[in-house]
PDB file of N, CA and C in Angstrom:
ATOM      1  N   UNK A   1      52.281  25.167   8.333  1.00  0.00           N
ATOM      2  CA  UNK A   1      51.386  24.133   7.853  1.00  0.00           C
ATOM      3  C   UNK A   1      50.589  24.725   6.688  1.00  0.00           C
ATOM      4  N   UNK A   2      50.385  23.928   5.653  1.00  0.00           N
ATOM      5  CA  UNK A   2      49.677  24.469   4.494  1.00  0.00           C
ATOM      6  C   UNK A   2      48.180  24.613   4.805  1.00  0.00           C
ATOM      7  N   UNK A   3      47.468  25.430   4.042  1.00  0.00           N
ATOM      8  CA  UNK A   3      46.062  25.722   4.335  1.00  0.00           C
ATOM      9  C   UNK A   3      45.153  24.491   4.264  1.00  0.00           C
ATOM     10  N   UNK A   4      45.448  23.553   3.374  1.00  0.00           N
ATOM     11  CA  UNK A   4      44.603  22.362   3.263  1.00  0.00           C
ATOM     12  C   UNK A   4      44.722  21.503   4.513  1.00  0.00           C
ATOM     13  N   UNK A   5      45.930  21.332   4.997  1.00  0.00           N
ATOM     14  CA  UNK A   5      46.137  20.542   6.211  1.00  0.00           C
ATOM     15  C   UNK A   5      45.520  21.238   7.414  1.00  0.00           C
ATOM     16  N   UNK A   6      45.626  22.570   7.460  1.00  0.00           N
ATOM     17  CA  UNK A   6      45.048  23.328   8.563  1.00  0.00           C
ATOM     18  C   UNK A   6      43.525  23.196   8.565  1.00  0.00           C
ATOM     19  N   UNK A   7      42.899  23.253   7.384  1.00  0.00           N
ATOM     20  CA  UNK A   7      41.443  23.114   7.300  1.00  0.00           C
ATOM     21  C   UNK A   7      41.007  21.718   7.737  1.00  0.00           C
ATOM     22  N   UNK A   8      41.762  20.696   7.347  1.00  0.00           N
ATOM     23  CA  UNK A   8      41.429  19.330   7.752  1.00  0.00           C
ATOM     24  C   UNK A   8      41.566  19.164   9.258  1.00  0.00           C
ATOM     25  N   UNK A   9      42.593  19.762   9.834  1.00  0.00           N
ATOM     26  CA  UNK A   9      42.794  19.686  11.276  1.00  0.00           C
ATOM     27  C   UNK A   9      41.678  20.409  12.019  1.00  0.00           C
ATOM     28  N   UNK A  10      41.247  21.568  11.515  1.00  0.00           N
ATOM     29  CA  UNK A  10      40.147  22.303  12.145  1.00  0.00           C
ATOM     30  C   UNK A  10      38.844  21.494  12.101  1.00  0.00           C
ATOM     31  N   UNK A  11      38.597  20.850  10.950  1.00  0.00           N
ATOM     32  CA  UNK A  11      37.383  20.032  10.834  1.00  0.00           C
ATOM     33  C   UNK A  11      37.429  18.838  11.778  1.00  0.00           C
ATOM     34  N   UNK A  12      38.596  18.253  11.963  1.00  0.00           N
ATOM     35  CA  UNK A  12      38.730  17.078  12.823  1.00  0.00           C
ATOM     36  C   UNK A  12      38.532  17.431  14.292  1.00  0.00           C
ATOM     37  N   UNK A  13      38.837  18.660  14.665  1.00  0.00           N
ATOM     38  CA  UNK A  13      38.701  19.068  16.066  1.00  0.00           C
ATOM     39  C   UNK A  13      37.255  19.337  16.465  1.00  0.00           C
ATOM     40  N   UNK A  14      36.387  19.652  15.506  1.00  0.00           N
ATOM     41  CA  UNK A  14      34.980  19.928  15.822  1.00  0.00           C
ATOM     42  C   UNK A  14      34.197  18.617  15.846  1.00  0.00           C
ATOM     43  N   UNK A  15      33.322  18.458  16.832  1.00  0.00           N
ATOM     44  CA  UNK A  15      32.527  17.221  16.875  1.00  0.00           C
ATOM     45  C   UNK A  15      31.524  17.186  15.711  1.00  0.00           C
ATOM     46  N   UNK A  16      31.270  15.992  15.242  1.00  0.00           N
ATOM     47  CA  UNK A  16      30.294  15.858  14.155  1.00  0.00           C
ATOM     48  C   UNK A  16      28.890  15.924  14.741  1.00  0.00           C
ATOM     49  N   UNK A  17      27.981  16.552  14.054  1.00  0.00           N
ATOM     50  CA  UNK A  17      26.619  16.628  14.576  1.00  0.00           C
ATOM     51  C   UNK A  17      25.962  15.243  14.559  1.00  0.00           C
ATOM     52  N   UNK A  18      25.086  15.041  15.514  1.00  0.00           N
ATOM     53  CA  UNK A  18      24.368  13.765  15.592  1.00  0.00           C
ATOM     54  C   UNK A  18      23.434  13.640  14.390  1.00  0.00           C
ATOM     55  N   UNK A  19      23.268  12.432  13.873  1.00  0.00           N
ATOM     56  CA  UNK A  19      22.379  12.269  12.721  1.00  0.00           C
ATOM     57  C   UNK A  19      20.932  12.560  13.110  1.00  0.00           C
ATOM     58  N   UNK A  20      20.226  13.180  12.212  1.00  0.00           N
ATOM     59  CA  UNK A  20      18.823  13.508  12.440  1.00  0.00           C
ATOM     60  C   UNK A  20      17.984  12.504  11.665  1.00  0.00           C
ATOM     61  N   UNK A  21      17.177  11.753  12.395  1.00  0.00           N
ATOM     62  CA  UNK A  21      16.334  10.756  11.764  1.00  0.00           C
ATOM     63  C   UNK A  21      14.950  11.333  11.535  1.00  0.00           C
ATOM     64  N   UNK A  22      14.351  10.912  10.472  1.00  0.00           N
ATOM     65  CA  UNK A  22      13.015  11.391  10.139  1.00  0.00           C
ATOM     66  C   UNK A  22      11.999  10.786  11.101  1.00  0.00           C
ATOM     67  N   UNK A  23      11.084  11.601  11.562  1.00  0.00           N
ATOM     68  CA  UNK A  23      10.030  11.111  12.447  1.00  0.00           C
ATOM     69  C   UNK A  23       8.705  11.002  11.711  1.00  0.00           C
ATOM     70  N   UNK A  24       8.743  11.252  10.416  1.00  0.00           N
ATOM     71  CA  UNK A  24       7.506  11.175   9.642  1.00  0.00           C
ATOM     72  C   UNK A  24       7.133   9.717   9.413  1.00  0.00           C
ATOM     73  N   UNK A  25       5.856   9.445   9.453  1.00  0.00           N
ATOM     74  CA  UNK A  25       5.357   8.106   9.165  1.00  0.00           C
ATOM     75  C   UNK A  25       4.416   8.186   7.979  1.00  0.00           C
ATOM     76  N   UNK A  26       4.089   7.055   7.453  1.00  0.00           N
ATOM     77  CA  UNK A  26       3.166   7.020   6.319  1.00  0.00           C
ATOM     78  C   UNK A  26       1.797   7.503   6.778  1.00  0.00           C
ATOM     79  N   UNK A  27       1.159   8.342   5.976  1.00  0.00           N
ATOM     80  CA  UNK A  27      -0.156   8.841   6.381  1.00  0.00           C
ATOM     81  C   UNK A  27      -1.194   7.727   6.349  1.00  0.00           C
ATOM     82  N   UNK A  28      -2.047   7.723   7.335  1.00  0.00           N
ATOM     83  CA  UNK A  28      -3.138   6.752   7.405  1.00  0.00           C
ATOM     84  C   UNK A  28      -4.393   7.403   6.833  1.00  0.00           C
ATOM     85  N   UNK A  29      -5.116   6.689   6.018  1.00  0.00           N
ATOM     86  CA  UNK A  29      -6.347   7.279   5.495  1.00  0.00           C
ATOM     87  C   UNK A  29      -7.368   7.440   6.619  1.00  0.00           C
ATOM     88  N   UNK A  30      -7.939   8.632   6.729  1.00  0.00           N
ATOM     89  CA  UNK A  30      -8.900   8.917   7.790  1.00  0.00           C
ATOM     90  C   UNK A  30     -10.266   8.326   7.485  1.00  0.00           C
ATOM     91  N   UNK A  31     -10.641   8.352   6.249  1.00  0.00           N
ATOM     92  CA  UNK A  31     -11.966   7.861   5.885  1.00  0.00           C
ATOM     93  C   UNK A  31     -11.815   6.712   4.896  1.00  0.00           C
ATOM     94  N   UNK A  32     -12.800   5.829   4.854  1.00  0.00           N
ATOM     95  CA  UNK A  32     -12.703   4.711   3.918  1.00  0.00           C
ATOM     96  C   UNK A  32     -12.705   5.193   2.471  1.00  0.00           C
ATOM     97  N   UNK A  33     -11.998   4.469   1.647  1.00  0.00           N
ATOM     98  CA  UNK A  33     -11.954   4.809   0.225  1.00  0.00           C
ATOM     99  C   UNK A  33     -13.290   4.478  -0.429  1.00  0.00           C
ATOM    100  N   UNK A  34     -13.682   5.243  -1.433  1.00  0.00           N
ATOM    101  CA  UNK A  34     -14.920   4.898  -2.136  1.00  0.00           C
ATOM    102  C   UNK A  34     -14.722   3.622  -2.945  1.00  0.00           C
ATOM    103  N   UNK A  35     -15.828   2.971  -3.250  1.00  0.00           N
ATOM    104  CA  UNK A  35     -15.762   1.752  -4.046  1.00  0.00           C
ATOM    105  C   UNK A  35     -15.252   2.107  -5.436  1.00  0.00           C
ATOM    106  N   UNK A  36     -14.208   1.428  -5.913  1.00  0.00           N
ATOM    107  CA  UNK A  36     -13.677   1.739  -7.246  1.00  0.00           C
ATOM    108  C   UNK A  36     -14.682   1.385  -8.334  1.00  0.00           C
ATOM    109  N   UNK A  37     -14.635   2.135  -9.416  1.00  0.00           N
ATOM    110  CA  UNK A  37     -15.543   1.918 -10.543  1.00  0.00           C
ATOM    111  C   UNK A  37     -14.707   1.536 -11.758  1.00  0.00           C
ATOM    112  N   UNK A  38     -15.002   0.376 -12.361  1.00  0.00           N
ATOM    113  CA  UNK A  38     -14.247   0.000 -13.560  1.00  0.00           C
ATOM    114  C   UNK A  38     -14.615   0.890 -14.734  1.00  0.00           C
ATOM    115  N   UNK A  39     -13.621   1.304 -15.494  1.00  0.00           N
ATOM    116  CA  UNK A  39     -13.861   2.144 -16.664  1.00  0.00           C
ATOM    117  C   UNK A  39     -13.260   1.472 -17.883  1.00  0.00           C
ATOM    118  N   UNK A  40     -13.852   1.699 -19.012  1.00  0.00           N
ATOM    119  CA  UNK A  40     -13.320   1.162 -20.257  1.00  0.00           C
ATOM    120  C   UNK A  40     -13.813  -0.245 -20.529  1.00  0.00           C
ATOM    121  N   UNK A  41     -13.219  -0.840 -21.535  1.00  0.00           N
ATOM    122  CA  UNK A  41     -13.598  -2.179 -21.963  1.00  0.00           C
ATOM    123  C   UNK A  41     -13.019  -3.202 -20.985  1.00  0.00           C
ATOM    124  N   UNK A  42     -13.816  -4.219 -20.657  1.00  0.00           N
ATOM    125  CA  UNK A  42     -13.377  -5.246 -19.725  1.00  0.00           C
ATOM    126  C   UNK A  42     -12.766  -6.407 -20.504  1.00  0.00           C
ATOM    127  N   UNK A  43     -11.499  -6.653 -20.273  1.00  0.00           N
ATOM    128  CA  UNK A  43     -10.785  -7.776 -20.868  1.00  0.00           C
ATOM    129  C   UNK A  43     -10.921  -8.948 -19.895  1.00  0.00           C
ATOM    130  N   UNK A  44     -11.563 -10.032 -20.333  1.00  0.00           N
ATOM    131  CA  UNK A  44     -11.859 -11.142 -19.429  1.00  0.00           C
ATOM    132  C   UNK A  44     -10.594 -11.812 -18.895  1.00  0.00           C
ATOM    133  N   UNK A  45      -9.564 -11.924 -19.712  1.00  0.00           N
ATOM    134  CA  UNK A  45      -8.322 -12.542 -19.240  1.00  0.00           C
ATOM    135  C   UNK A  45      -7.707 -11.716 -18.111  1.00  0.00           C
ATOM    136  N   UNK A  46      -7.638 -10.397 -18.305  1.00  0.00           N
ATOM    137  CA  UNK A  46      -7.081  -9.532 -17.264  1.00  0.00           C
ATOM    138  C   UNK A  46      -7.952  -9.566 -16.014  1.00  0.00           C
ATOM    139  N   UNK A  47      -9.258  -9.675 -16.192  1.00  0.00           N
ATOM    140  CA  UNK A  47     -10.174  -9.743 -15.053  1.00  0.00           C
ATOM    141  C   UNK A  47      -9.904 -11.007 -14.235  1.00  0.00           C
ATOM    142  N   UNK A  48      -9.730 -12.138 -14.915  1.00  0.00           N
ATOM    143  CA  UNK A  48      -9.463 -13.388 -14.205  1.00  0.00           C
ATOM    144  C   UNK A  48      -8.100 -13.353 -13.515  1.00  0.00           C
ATOM    145  N   UNK A  49      -7.112 -12.746 -14.168  1.00  0.00           N
ATOM    146  CA  UNK A  49      -5.790 -12.609 -13.552  1.00  0.00           C
ATOM    147  C   UNK A  49      -5.869 -11.728 -12.301  1.00  0.00           C
ATOM    148  N   UNK A  50      -6.619 -10.638 -12.395  1.00  0.00           N
ATOM    149  CA  UNK A  50      -6.759  -9.738 -11.249  1.00  0.00           C
ATOM    150  C   UNK A  50      -7.514 -10.425 -10.120  1.00  0.00           C
ATOM    151  N   UNK A  51      -8.514 -11.224 -10.472  1.00  0.00           N
ATOM    152  CA  UNK A  51      -9.264 -11.954  -9.451  1.00  0.00           C
ATOM    153  C   UNK A  51      -8.330 -12.923  -8.712  1.00  0.00           C
ATOM    154  N   UNK A  52      -7.457 -13.574  -9.461  1.00  0.00           N
ATOM    155  CA  UNK A  52      -6.496 -14.491  -8.841  1.00  0.00           C
ATOM    156  C   UNK A  52      -5.512 -13.726  -7.956  1.00  0.00           C
ATOM    157  N   UNK A  53      -5.059 -12.571  -8.416  1.00  0.00           N
ATOM    158  CA  UNK A  53      -4.154 -11.743  -7.605  1.00  0.00           C
ATOM    159  C   UNK A  53      -4.840 -11.291  -6.318  1.00  0.00           C
ATOM    160  N   UNK A  54      -6.107 -10.910  -6.429  1.00  0.00           N
ATOM    161  CA  UNK A  54      -6.850 -10.470  -5.249  1.00  0.00           C
ATOM    162  C   UNK A  54      -7.038 -11.625  -4.269  1.00  0.00           C
ATOM    163  N   UNK A  55      -7.303 -12.819  -4.786  1.00  0.00           N
ATOM    164  CA  UNK A  55      -7.436 -13.988  -3.902  1.00  0.00           C
ATOM    165  C   UNK A  55      -6.115 -14.276  -3.197  1.00  0.00           C
ATOM    166  N   UNK A  56      -5.008 -14.143  -3.916  1.00  0.00           N
ATOM    167  CA  UNK A  56      -3.697 -14.341  -3.294  1.00  0.00           C
ATOM    168  C   UNK A  56      -3.453 -13.301  -2.202  1.00  0.00           C
ATOM    169  N   UNK A  57      -3.879 -12.069  -2.460  1.00  0.00           N
ATOM    170  CA  UNK A  57      -3.702 -11.011  -1.476  1.00  0.00           C
ATOM    171  C   UNK A  57      -4.532 -11.305  -0.229  1.00  0.00           C
ATOM    172  N   UNK A  58      -5.767 -11.773  -0.425  1.00  0.00           N
ATOM    173  CA  UNK A  58      -6.615 -12.113   0.720  1.00  0.00           C
ATOM    174  C   UNK A  58      -6.000 -13.281   1.489  1.00  0.00           C
ATOM    175  N   UNK A  59      -5.450 -14.248   0.774  1.00  0.00           N
ATOM    176  CA  UNK A  59      -4.811 -15.383   1.448  1.00  0.00           C
ATOM    177  C   UNK A  59      -3.605 -14.926   2.268  1.00  0.00           C
ATOM    178  N   UNK A  60      -2.872 -13.939   1.771  1.00  0.00           N
ATOM    179  CA  UNK A  60      -1.716 -13.446   2.519  1.00  0.00           C
ATOM    180  C   UNK A  60      -2.139 -12.614   3.729  1.00  0.00           C
ATOM    181  N   UNK A  61      -3.365 -12.092   3.706  1.00  0.00           N
ATOM    182  CA  UNK A  61      -3.887 -11.303   4.825  1.00  0.00           C
ATOM    183  C   UNK A  61      -4.838 -12.129   5.687  1.00  0.00           C
ATOM    184  N   UNK A  62      -4.683 -13.434   5.678  1.00  0.00           N
ATOM    185  CA  UNK A  62      -5.597 -14.329   6.379  1.00  0.00           C
ATOM    186  C   UNK A  62      -5.650 -14.032   7.877  1.00  0.00           C
ATOM    187  N   UNK A  63      -4.523 -13.715   8.479  1.00  0.00           N
ATOM    188  CA  UNK A  63      -4.500 -13.418   9.911  1.00  0.00           C
ATOM    189  C   UNK A  63      -5.284 -12.149  10.224  1.00  0.00           C
ATOM    190  N   UNK A  64      -5.255 -11.192   9.310  1.00  0.00           N
ATOM    191  CA  UNK A  64      -5.979  -9.945   9.527  1.00  0.00           C
ATOM    192  C   UNK A  64      -7.489 -10.165   9.479  1.00  0.00           C
ATOM    193  N   UNK A  65      -7.929 -11.178   8.722  1.00  0.00           N
ATOM    194  CA  UNK A  65      -9.364 -11.464   8.629  1.00  0.00           C
ATOM    195  C   UNK A  65      -9.946 -11.858   9.978  1.00  0.00           C
ATOM    196  N   UNK A  66      -9.142 -12.464  10.845  1.00  0.00           N
ATOM    197  CA  UNK A  66      -9.626 -12.900  12.148  1.00  0.00           C
ATOM    198  C   UNK A  66      -9.681 -11.766  13.162  1.00  0.00           C
ATOM    199  N   UNK A  67      -9.079 -10.635  12.861  1.00  0.00           N
ATOM    200  CA  UNK A  67      -9.099  -9.494  13.777  1.00  0.00           C
ATOM    201  C   UNK A  67     -10.484  -8.870  13.825  1.00  0.00           C
ATOM    202  N   UNK A  68     -10.673  -8.004  14.812  1.00  0.00           N
ATOM    203  CA  UNK A  68     -11.900  -7.228  14.880  1.00  0.00           C
ATOM    204  C   UNK A  68     -11.943  -6.296  13.680  1.00  0.00           C
ATOM    205  N   UNK A  69     -13.040  -6.293  12.977  1.00  0.00           N
ATOM    206  CA  UNK A  69     -13.219  -5.469  11.782  1.00  0.00           C
ATOM    207  C   UNK A  69     -12.203  -5.844  10.701  1.00  0.00           C
ATOM    208  N   UNK A  70     -11.797  -7.104  10.682  1.00  0.00           N
ATOM    209  CA  UNK A  70     -10.769  -7.559   9.757  1.00  0.00           C
ATOM    210  C   UNK A  70     -11.211  -7.567   8.314  1.00  0.00           C
ATOM    211  N   UNK A  71     -12.482  -7.932   8.071  1.00  0.00           N
ATOM    212  CA  UNK A  71     -12.974  -7.975   6.690  1.00  0.00           C
ATOM    213  C   UNK A  71     -12.936  -6.576   6.084  1.00  0.00           C
ATOM    214  N   UNK A  72     -13.332  -5.569   6.859  1.00  0.00           N
ATOM    215  CA  UNK A  72     -13.310  -4.190   6.359  1.00  0.00           C
ATOM    216  C   UNK A  72     -11.876  -3.740   6.077  1.00  0.00           C
ATOM    217  N   UNK A  73     -10.931  -4.162   6.900  1.00  0.00           N
ATOM    218  CA  UNK A  73      -9.537  -3.787   6.676  1.00  0.00           C
ATOM    219  C   UNK A  73      -8.991  -4.426   5.406  1.00  0.00           C
ATOM    220  N   UNK A  74      -9.338  -5.685   5.175  1.00  0.00           N
ATOM    221  CA  UNK A  74      -8.874  -6.368   3.967  1.00  0.00           C
ATOM    222  C   UNK A  74      -9.514  -5.735   2.739  1.00  0.00           C
ATOM    223  N   UNK A  75     -10.783  -5.355   2.839  1.00  0.00           N
ATOM    224  CA  UNK A  75     -11.457  -4.691   1.718  1.00  0.00           C
ATOM    225  C   UNK A  75     -10.780  -3.363   1.411  1.00  0.00           C
ATOM    226  N   UNK A  76     -10.365  -2.630   2.437  1.00  0.00           N
ATOM    227  CA  UNK A  76      -9.658  -1.365   2.214  1.00  0.00           C
ATOM    228  C   UNK A  76      -8.322  -1.598   1.512  1.00  0.00           C
ATOM    229  N   UNK A  77      -7.632  -2.673   1.874  1.00  0.00           N
ATOM    230  CA  UNK A  77      -6.365  -2.999   1.210  1.00  0.00           C
ATOM    231  C   UNK A  77      -6.617  -3.297  -0.262  1.00  0.00           C
ATOM    232  N   UNK A  78      -7.674  -4.042  -0.543  1.00  0.00           N
ATOM    233  CA  UNK A  78      -8.006  -4.362  -1.933  1.00  0.00           C
ATOM    234  C   UNK A  78      -8.402  -3.101  -2.708  1.00  0.00           C
ATOM    235  N   UNK A  79      -9.121  -2.197  -2.061  1.00  0.00           N
ATOM    236  CA  UNK A  79      -9.497  -0.941  -2.730  1.00  0.00           C
ATOM    237  C   UNK A  79      -8.258  -0.119  -3.061  1.00  0.00           C
ATOM    238  N   UNK A  80      -7.297  -0.085  -2.116  1.00  0.00           N
ATOM    239  CA  UNK A  80      -6.062   0.654  -2.379  1.00  0.00           C
ATOM    240  C   UNK A  80      -5.279   0.032  -3.523  1.00  0.00           C
ATOM    241  N   UNK A  81      -5.379  -1.282  -3.665  1.00  0.00           N
ATOM    242  CA  UNK A  81      -4.676  -1.962  -4.753  1.00  0.00           C
ATOM    243  C   UNK A  81      -5.306  -1.651  -6.103  1.00  0.00           C
ATOM    244  N   UNK A  82      -6.557  -1.204  -6.122  1.00  0.00           N
ATOM    245  CA  UNK A  82      -7.267  -0.891  -7.374  1.00  0.00           C
ATOM    246  C   UNK A  82      -6.936   0.490  -7.921  1.00  0.00           C
ATOM    247  N   UNK A  83      -6.312   1.322  -7.135  1.00  0.00           N
ATOM    248  CA  UNK A  83      -6.079   2.706  -7.545  1.00  0.00           C
ATOM    249  C   UNK A  83      -5.161   2.732  -8.761  1.00  0.00           C
ATOM    250  N   UNK A  84      -5.551   3.508  -9.762  1.00  0.00           N
ATOM    251  CA  UNK A  84      -4.785   3.709 -11.002  1.00  0.00           C
ATOM    252  C   UNK A  84      -4.529   2.407 -11.756  1.00  0.00           C
ATOM    253  N   UNK A  85      -5.508   1.535 -11.774  1.00  0.00           N
ATOM    254  CA  UNK A  85      -5.423   0.283 -12.517  1.00  0.00           C
ATOM    255  C   UNK A  85      -6.433   0.304 -13.655  1.00  0.00           C
ATOM    256  N   UNK A  86      -6.222  -0.516 -14.683  1.00  0.00           N
ATOM    257  CA  UNK A  86      -7.199  -0.600 -15.780  1.00  0.00           C
ATOM    258  C   UNK A  86      -8.535  -1.148 -15.278  1.00  0.00           C
ATOM    259  N   UNK A  87      -9.583  -0.884 -16.049  1.00  0.00           N
ATOM    260  CA  UNK A  87     -10.928  -1.306 -15.661  1.00  0.00           C
ATOM    261  C   UNK A  87     -11.062  -2.798 -15.476  1.00  0.00           C
ATOM    262  N   UNK A  88     -10.368  -3.578 -16.276  1.00  0.00           N
ATOM    263  CA  UNK A  88     -10.445  -5.034 -16.161  1.00  0.00           C
ATOM    264  C   UNK A  88      -9.884  -5.505 -14.821  1.00  0.00           C
ATOM    265  N   UNK A  89      -8.797  -4.906 -14.402  1.00  0.00           N
ATOM    266  CA  UNK A  89      -8.185  -5.274 -13.127  1.00  0.00           C
ATOM    267  C   UNK A  89      -9.096  -4.857 -11.979  1.00  0.00           C
ATOM    268  N   UNK A  90      -9.666  -3.667 -12.080  1.00  0.00           N
ATOM    269  CA  UNK A  90     -10.581  -3.190 -11.044  1.00  0.00           C
ATOM    270  C   UNK A  90     -11.769  -4.133 -10.924  1.00  0.00           C
ATOM    271  N   UNK A  91     -12.296  -4.588 -12.050  1.00  0.00           N
ATOM    272  CA  UNK A  91     -13.444  -5.490 -12.020  1.00  0.00           C
ATOM    273  C   UNK A  91     -13.084  -6.813 -11.345  1.00  0.00           C
ATOM    274  N   UNK A  92     -11.894  -7.333 -11.593  1.00  0.00           N
ATOM    275  CA  UNK A  92     -11.449  -8.559 -10.932  1.00  0.00           C
ATOM    276  C   UNK A  92     -11.343  -8.389  -9.423  1.00  0.00           C
ATOM    277  N   UNK A  93     -10.813  -7.257  -8.987  1.00  0.00           N
ATOM    278  CA  UNK A  93     -10.727  -6.990  -7.556  1.00  0.00           C
ATOM    279  C   UNK A  93     -12.117  -6.794  -6.963  1.00  0.00           C
ATOM    280  N   UNK A  94     -13.014  -6.153  -7.715  1.00  0.00           N
ATOM    281  CA  UNK A  94     -14.375  -5.950  -7.222  1.00  0.00           C
ATOM    282  C   UNK A  94     -15.099  -7.272  -7.017  1.00  0.00           C
ATOM    283  N   UNK A  95     -14.831  -8.251  -7.864  1.00  0.00           N
ATOM    284  CA  UNK A  95     -15.444  -9.568  -7.684  1.00  0.00           C
ATOM    285  C   UNK A  95     -15.086 -10.142  -6.314  1.00  0.00           C
ATOM    286  N   UNK A  96     -13.822 -10.042  -5.943  1.00  0.00           N
ATOM    287  CA  UNK A  96     -13.382 -10.568  -4.652  1.00  0.00           C
ATOM    288  C   UNK A  96     -13.918  -9.708  -3.512  1.00  0.00           C
ATOM    289  N   UNK A  97     -13.967  -8.390  -3.696  1.00  0.00           N
ATOM    290  CA  UNK A  97     -14.514  -7.503  -2.666  1.00  0.00           C
ATOM    291  C   UNK A  97     -15.971  -7.842  -2.406  1.00  0.00           C
ATOM    292  N   UNK A  98     -16.742  -8.088  -3.465  1.00  0.00           N
ATOM    293  CA  UNK A  98     -18.153  -8.435  -3.292  1.00  0.00           C
ATOM    294  C   UNK A  98     -18.314  -9.760  -2.556  1.00  0.00           C
ATOM    295  N   UNK A  99     -17.446 -10.725  -2.850  1.00  0.00           N
ATOM    296  CA  UNK A  99     -17.498 -11.995  -2.120  1.00  0.00           C
ATOM    297  C   UNK A  99     -17.191 -11.791  -0.639  1.00  0.00           C
ATOM    298  N   UNK A 100     -16.196 -10.954  -0.343  1.00  0.00           N
ATOM    299  CA  UNK A 100     -15.867 -10.682   1.055  1.00  0.00           C
ATOM    300  C   UNK A 100     -17.008  -9.967   1.767  1.00  0.00           C
ATOM    301  N   UNK A 101     -17.645  -9.021   1.085  1.00  0.00           N
ATOM    302  CA  UNK A 101     -18.758  -8.304   1.699  1.00  0.00           C
ATOM    303  C   UNK A 101     -19.926  -9.239   1.965  1.00  0.00           C
ATOM    304  N   UNK A 102     -20.204 -10.145   1.039  1.00  0.00           N
ATOM    305  CA  UNK A 102     -21.301 -11.092   1.236  1.00  0.00           C
ATOM    306  C   UNK A 102     -20.970 -12.068   2.367  1.00  0.00           C
ATOM    307  N   UNK A 103     -19.715 -12.478   2.455  1.00  0.00           N
ATOM    308  CA  UNK A 103     -19.315 -13.421   3.499  1.00  0.00           C
ATOM    309  C   UNK A 103     -19.225 -12.737   4.855  1.00  0.00           C
ATOM    310  N   UNK A 104     -18.832 -11.473   4.876  1.00  0.00           N
ATOM    311  CA  UNK A 104     -18.669 -10.739   6.128  1.00  0.00           C
ATOM    312  C   UNK A 104     -19.976 -10.323   6.763  1.00  0.00           C
ATOM    313  N   UNK A 105     -21.049 -10.300   6.015  1.00  0.00           N
ATOM    314  CA  UNK A 105     -22.353  -9.862   6.543  1.00  0.00           C
ATOM    315  C   UNK A 105     -23.001 -10.927   7.378  1.00  0.00           C
TER     316      UNK A 105
END
């Protein structure tokens, strides 16, 4: 038997190892994120667009608002959405965060 066929036969006789699945999960933030600070010039159009996006996000998280500490959880989601965004977008999200904080109190 030629060496290639012999190698294939040897490989076929050995059982294949079981697949190893990752047990890692996404890290959860231990502490609340700080309030984002808008930097740079504020573009009003981008601010209004971001405010609308934030309202849509809050509407999609409506069920979470009814949970215990739900307003704080939604605010954390909005803060995470502000990371590495332009100042105008951050300001639009902050408008919605301030409304949620005033309503949640």
